[in-house]
Amino acid sequence: MENSHCSQMVKQRICHCGHVPVMKTSWTEGNPGRRFWGCRFYGKAQACNYFDWADPAPHDRYKCVINGLLRKKNEAHKEKEKMSKTISIYHVVFSLLVLYFAFWVLF
């Protein structure tokens, strides 16, 4: 009979620099939303460049849908920023008009 404690053990990943890697998500066009294990020091001098995919390669249809959704999200974000700038300009113009009329009425 198999020891239940041993059957529940999970293989611990260790990167090349001896630390436990962290799971990250790729947002490249070729691997949108695909998770991978990477060195926790990625981008720093002590990084060992450990890399291992956690998810299987996405199907072409999945990539197409996710990339399309990401483009729409980015377009909506840009439109929101544009609208915020426009509202800010209107706010400044309105405030200046109020000050002008207040100054004109008082003096």
N, C-alpha and C. Protein backbone atom coordinates (compact mmCIF):
# COMPACT_ATOMS: atom_id res chain seq x y z
N MET A 1 0.84 -1.18 0.00
CA MET A 1 0.00 0.00 0.00
C MET A 1 0.88 1.24 0.00
N GLU A 2 0.48 2.22 -0.79
CA GLU A 2 1.28 3.44 -0.94
C GLU A 2 1.06 4.37 0.25
N ASN A 3 2.12 4.97 0.72
CA ASN A 3 2.04 5.92 1.81
C ASN A 3 1.32 7.18 1.32
N SER A 4 0.23 7.57 1.99
CA SER A 4 -0.55 8.72 1.54
C SER A 4 0.25 10.02 1.63
N HIS A 5 1.17 10.09 2.58
CA HIS A 5 2.00 11.29 2.70
C HIS A 5 2.88 11.46 1.47
N CYS A 6 3.47 10.37 1.01
CA CYS A 6 4.35 10.42 -0.16
C CYS A 6 3.57 10.73 -1.43
N SER A 7 2.36 10.24 -1.55
CA SER A 7 1.58 10.47 -2.77
C SER A 7 1.12 11.91 -2.88
N GLN A 8 1.11 12.65 -1.77
CA GLN A 8 0.66 14.03 -1.79
C GLN A 8 1.81 15.01 -1.99
N MET A 9 3.02 14.51 -2.03
CA MET A 9 4.17 15.40 -2.21
C MET A 9 4.18 15.97 -3.62
N VAL A 10 4.48 17.24 -3.72
CA VAL A 10 4.55 17.92 -5.00
C VAL A 10 5.99 18.31 -5.26
N LYS A 11 6.42 18.12 -6.50
CA LYS A 11 7.79 18.47 -6.86
C LYS A 11 7.99 19.98 -6.70
N GLN A 12 8.98 20.35 -5.92
CA GLN A 12 9.31 21.76 -5.69
C GLN A 12 10.27 22.22 -6.77
N ARG A 13 9.92 23.27 -7.47
CA ARG A 13 10.81 23.83 -8.49
C ARG A 13 11.88 24.66 -7.81
N ILE A 14 13.08 24.56 -8.29
CA ILE A 14 14.20 25.37 -7.82
C ILE A 14 14.89 25.94 -9.06
N CYS A 15 15.08 27.25 -9.08
CA CYS A 15 15.73 27.84 -10.26
C CYS A 15 17.25 27.66 -10.15
N HIS A 16 17.96 28.08 -11.18
CA HIS A 16 19.40 27.86 -11.26
C HIS A 16 20.20 28.57 -10.16
N CYS A 17 19.61 29.61 -9.56
CA CYS A 17 20.33 30.32 -8.49
C CYS A 17 19.95 29.80 -7.11
N GLY A 18 19.16 28.70 -7.05
CA GLY A 18 18.85 28.05 -5.80
C GLY A 18 17.61 28.55 -5.08
N HIS A 19 16.84 29.44 -5.69
CA HIS A 19 15.62 29.96 -5.08
C HIS A 19 14.39 29.34 -5.72
N VAL A 20 13.26 29.50 -5.05
CA VAL A 20 11.99 29.02 -5.60
C VAL A 20 11.54 30.05 -6.65
N PRO A 21 11.29 29.62 -7.89
CA PRO A 21 10.84 30.56 -8.91
C PRO A 21 9.40 31.01 -8.65
N VAL A 22 9.00 32.07 -9.31
CA VAL A 22 7.64 32.59 -9.17
C VAL A 22 6.87 32.39 -10.47
N MET A 23 5.55 32.23 -10.33
CA MET A 23 4.73 32.08 -11.52
C MET A 23 4.36 33.47 -12.03
N LYS A 24 4.53 33.66 -13.33
CA LYS A 24 4.22 34.93 -13.98
C LYS A 24 3.33 34.63 -15.18
N THR A 25 2.79 35.68 -15.77
CA THR A 25 1.93 35.53 -16.94
C THR A 25 2.51 36.29 -18.12
N SER A 26 2.60 35.62 -19.24
CA SER A 26 3.09 36.23 -20.47
C SER A 26 1.95 36.99 -21.15
N TRP A 27 2.23 38.19 -21.63
CA TRP A 27 1.25 38.95 -22.40
C TRP A 27 1.78 39.29 -23.78
N THR A 28 2.70 38.46 -24.29
CA THR A 28 3.20 38.66 -25.65
C THR A 28 2.11 38.23 -26.63
N GLU A 29 2.23 38.69 -27.86
CA GLU A 29 1.24 38.34 -28.87
C GLU A 29 1.23 36.83 -29.16
N GLY A 30 2.38 36.19 -29.05
CA GLY A 30 2.47 34.76 -29.32
C GLY A 30 2.02 33.87 -28.18
N ASN A 31 2.01 34.40 -26.95
CA ASN A 31 1.64 33.61 -25.76
C ASN A 31 0.77 34.43 -24.80
N PRO A 32 -0.34 34.99 -25.26
CA PRO A 32 -1.15 35.84 -24.38
C PRO A 32 -1.82 35.04 -23.26
N GLY A 33 -1.59 35.46 -22.03
CA GLY A 33 -2.22 34.80 -20.88
C GLY A 33 -1.58 33.49 -20.47
N ARG A 34 -0.50 33.10 -21.13
CA ARG A 34 0.15 31.82 -20.81
C ARG A 34 1.06 32.00 -19.60
N ARG A 35 0.89 31.13 -18.60
CA ARG A 35 1.67 31.24 -17.37
C ARG A 35 2.99 30.49 -17.49
N PHE A 36 3.98 31.01 -16.78
CA PHE A 36 5.30 30.38 -16.77
C PHE A 36 5.98 30.60 -15.43
N TRP A 37 6.97 29.75 -15.16
CA TRP A 37 7.79 29.89 -13.96
C TRP A 37 9.05 30.65 -14.35
N GLY A 38 9.44 31.62 -13.53
CA GLY A 38 10.64 32.38 -13.82
C GLY A 38 11.39 32.73 -12.55
N CYS A 39 12.66 33.04 -12.71
CA CYS A 39 13.50 33.44 -11.57
C CYS A 39 12.89 34.66 -10.90
N ARG A 40 12.84 34.63 -9.59
CA ARG A 40 12.26 35.74 -8.84
C ARG A 40 13.08 37.01 -8.97
N PHE A 41 14.30 36.89 -9.42
CA PHE A 41 15.17 38.06 -9.56
C PHE A 41 15.25 38.55 -11.01
N TYR A 42 14.29 38.15 -11.83
CA TYR A 42 14.30 38.54 -13.25
C TYR A 42 14.45 40.07 -13.38
N GLY A 43 15.35 40.48 -14.24
CA GLY A 43 15.59 41.90 -14.46
C GLY A 43 16.63 42.50 -13.54
N LYS A 44 17.14 41.71 -12.61
CA LYS A 44 18.17 42.18 -11.68
C LYS A 44 19.48 41.46 -11.96
N ALA A 45 20.55 41.99 -11.42
CA ALA A 45 21.89 41.43 -11.68
C ALA A 45 22.02 39.98 -11.24
N GLN A 46 21.38 39.58 -10.14
CA GLN A 46 21.53 38.22 -9.61
C GLN A 46 20.60 37.20 -10.27
N ALA A 47 19.83 37.59 -11.29
CA ALA A 47 18.90 36.67 -11.95
C ALA A 47 19.65 35.57 -12.69
N CYS A 48 19.08 34.37 -12.68
CA CYS A 48 19.71 33.23 -13.35
C CYS A 48 19.03 32.89 -14.67
N ASN A 49 17.97 33.62 -15.03
CA ASN A 49 17.22 33.41 -16.28
C ASN A 49 16.51 32.06 -16.35
N TYR A 50 16.13 31.51 -15.18
CA TYR A 50 15.34 30.27 -15.16
C TYR A 50 14.00 30.53 -15.83
N PHE A 51 13.54 29.57 -16.63
CA PHE A 51 12.28 29.71 -17.35
C PHE A 51 11.70 28.33 -17.62
N ASP A 52 10.39 28.16 -17.34
CA ASP A 52 9.71 26.91 -17.63
C ASP A 52 8.22 27.21 -17.79
N TRP A 53 7.64 26.79 -18.91
CA TRP A 53 6.21 27.03 -19.11
C TRP A 53 5.39 26.23 -18.11
N ALA A 54 4.36 26.84 -17.54
CA ALA A 54 3.43 26.16 -16.64
C ALA A 54 2.20 25.70 -17.41
N ASP A 55 1.85 26.41 -18.48
CA ASP A 55 0.68 26.08 -19.29
C ASP A 55 1.12 25.55 -20.65
N PRO A 56 0.27 24.73 -21.27
CA PRO A 56 0.59 24.27 -22.63
C PRO A 56 0.48 25.44 -23.61
N ALA A 57 1.05 25.28 -24.78
CA ALA A 57 0.99 26.33 -25.81
C ALA A 57 -0.47 26.60 -26.18
N PRO A 58 -0.85 27.86 -26.29
CA PRO A 58 -2.24 28.17 -26.64
C PRO A 58 -2.54 27.87 -28.11
N HIS A 59 -3.79 27.53 -28.40
CA HIS A 59 -4.23 27.30 -29.77
C HIS A 59 -4.30 28.63 -30.51
N ASP A 60 -4.19 28.59 -31.82
CA ASP A 60 -4.21 29.81 -32.62
C ASP A 60 -5.49 30.62 -32.41
N ARG A 61 -6.63 29.95 -32.32
CA ARG A 61 -7.92 30.65 -32.12
C ARG A 61 -7.92 31.38 -30.78
N TYR A 62 -7.42 30.74 -29.74
CA TYR A 62 -7.31 31.35 -28.41
C TYR A 62 -6.46 32.61 -28.50
N LYS A 63 -5.29 32.51 -29.16
CA LYS A 63 -4.40 33.67 -29.30
C LYS A 63 -5.11 34.82 -30.01
N CYS A 64 -5.83 34.49 -31.07
CA CYS A 64 -6.53 35.50 -31.85
C CYS A 64 -7.58 36.22 -31.00
N VAL A 65 -8.37 35.46 -30.25
CA VAL A 65 -9.42 36.05 -29.40
C VAL A 65 -8.81 36.90 -28.29
N ILE A 66 -7.83 36.37 -27.57
CA ILE A 66 -7.22 37.11 -26.46
C ILE A 66 -6.55 38.38 -26.97
N ASN A 67 -5.79 38.28 -28.06
CA ASN A 67 -5.12 39.47 -28.60
C ASN A 67 -6.13 40.51 -29.06
N GLY A 68 -7.25 40.07 -29.64
CA GLY A 68 -8.30 41.00 -30.04
C GLY A 68 -8.91 41.71 -28.84
N LEU A 69 -9.16 40.96 -27.78
CA LEU A 69 -9.70 41.57 -26.55
C LEU A 69 -8.71 42.55 -25.93
N LEU A 70 -7.44 42.20 -25.94
CA LEU A 70 -6.42 43.11 -25.39
C LEU A 70 -6.34 44.40 -26.19
N ARG A 71 -6.44 44.30 -27.53
CA ARG A 71 -6.43 45.50 -28.37
C ARG A 71 -7.62 46.40 -28.04
N LYS A 72 -8.80 45.79 -27.90
CA LYS A 72 -10.00 46.57 -27.57
C LYS A 72 -9.87 47.22 -26.20
N LYS A 73 -9.31 46.50 -25.25
CA LYS A 73 -9.10 47.06 -23.91
C LYS A 73 -8.16 48.25 -23.98
N ASN A 74 -7.06 48.11 -24.73
CA ASN A 74 -6.10 49.21 -24.85
C ASN A 74 -6.71 50.41 -25.55
N GLU A 75 -7.52 50.17 -26.59
CA GLU A 75 -8.19 51.27 -27.28
C GLU A 75 -9.15 51.99 -26.34
N ALA A 76 -9.90 51.24 -25.54
CA ALA A 76 -10.84 51.83 -24.59
C ALA A 76 -10.10 52.65 -23.54
N HIS A 77 -8.95 52.16 -23.10
CA HIS A 77 -8.15 52.88 -22.11
C HIS A 77 -7.65 54.21 -22.70
N LYS A 78 -7.18 54.18 -23.94
CA LYS A 78 -6.72 55.41 -24.60
C LYS A 78 -7.86 56.40 -24.76
N GLU A 79 -9.04 55.90 -25.13
CA GLU A 79 -10.21 56.77 -25.29
C GLU A 79 -10.61 57.39 -23.95
N LYS A 80 -10.52 56.61 -22.88
CA LYS A 80 -10.84 57.13 -21.55
C LYS A 80 -9.88 58.24 -21.16
N GLU A 81 -8.57 58.04 -21.43
CA GLU A 81 -7.58 59.07 -21.11
C GLU A 81 -7.85 60.34 -21.92
N LYS A 82 -8.20 60.17 -23.18
CA LYS A 82 -8.50 61.31 -24.05
C LYS A 82 -9.71 62.08 -23.51
N MET A 83 -10.75 61.37 -23.09
CA MET A 83 -11.94 62.01 -22.54
C MET A 83 -11.63 62.72 -21.23
N SER A 84 -10.78 62.12 -20.40
CA SER A 84 -10.40 62.75 -19.13
C SER A 84 -9.68 64.06 -19.38
N LYS A 85 -8.80 64.10 -20.38
CA LYS A 85 -8.09 65.34 -20.71
C LYS A 85 -9.07 66.40 -21.20
N THR A 86 -10.03 65.99 -22.03
CA THR A 86 -11.04 66.92 -22.55
C THR A 86 -11.86 67.50 -21.40
N ILE A 87 -12.28 66.65 -20.48
CA ILE A 87 -13.06 67.11 -19.33
C ILE A 87 -12.24 68.07 -18.48
N SER A 88 -10.96 67.79 -18.31
CA SER A 88 -10.09 68.68 -17.54
C SER A 88 -9.99 70.04 -18.20
N ILE A 89 -9.89 70.07 -19.52
CA ILE A 89 -9.81 71.35 -20.24
C ILE A 89 -11.11 72.12 -20.05
N TYR A 90 -12.25 71.45 -20.18
CA TYR A 90 -13.54 72.11 -19.97
C TYR A 90 -13.65 72.65 -18.55
N HIS A 91 -13.16 71.90 -17.59
CA HIS A 91 -13.20 72.33 -16.20
C HIS A 91 -12.39 73.62 -16.01
N VAL A 92 -11.21 73.69 -16.60
CA VAL A 92 -10.37 74.88 -16.49
C VAL A 92 -11.05 76.07 -17.16
N VAL A 93 -11.58 75.87 -18.36
CA VAL A 93 -12.26 76.96 -19.08
C VAL A 93 -13.45 77.46 -18.27
N PHE A 94 -14.25 76.54 -17.75
CA PHE A 94 -15.41 76.93 -16.95
C PHE A 94 -14.98 77.72 -15.71
N SER A 95 -13.95 77.25 -15.04
CA SER A 95 -13.46 77.95 -13.84
C SER A 95 -12.98 79.35 -14.18
N LEU A 96 -12.29 79.51 -15.30
CA LEU A 96 -11.83 80.83 -15.71
C LEU A 96 -13.00 81.75 -16.04
N LEU A 97 -14.03 81.21 -16.68
CA LEU A 97 -15.22 82.01 -16.98
C LEU A 97 -15.92 82.46 -15.70
N VAL A 98 -16.03 81.57 -14.74
CA VAL A 98 -16.65 81.92 -13.45
C VAL A 98 -15.85 83.03 -12.78
N LEU A 99 -14.54 82.90 -12.76
CA LEU A 99 -13.69 83.94 -12.16
C LEU A 99 -13.83 85.27 -12.90
N TYR A 100 -13.88 85.22 -14.22
CA TYR A 100 -14.01 86.43 -15.03
C TYR A 100 -15.32 87.14 -14.70
N PHE A 101 -16.44 86.40 -14.69
CA PHE A 101 -17.72 87.01 -14.39
C PHE A 101 -17.80 87.49 -12.95
N ALA A 102 -17.23 86.75 -12.03
CA ALA A 102 -17.22 87.18 -10.62
C ALA A 102 -16.42 88.47 -10.48
N PHE A 103 -15.28 88.55 -11.13
CA PHE A 103 -14.46 89.76 -11.09
C PHE A 103 -15.21 90.92 -11.73
N TRP A 104 -15.88 90.67 -12.86
CA TRP A 104 -16.61 91.70 -13.59
C TRP A 104 -17.77 92.23 -12.76
N VAL A 105 -18.49 91.35 -12.04
CA VAL A 105 -19.63 91.76 -11.22
C VAL A 105 -19.16 92.52 -9.98
N LEU A 106 -18.10 92.06 -9.35
CA LEU A 106 -17.64 92.67 -8.10
C LEU A 106 -16.91 93.99 -8.32
N PHE A 107 -16.26 94.16 -9.44
CA PHE A 107 -15.47 95.37 -9.63
C PHE A 107 -16.02 96.09 -10.80
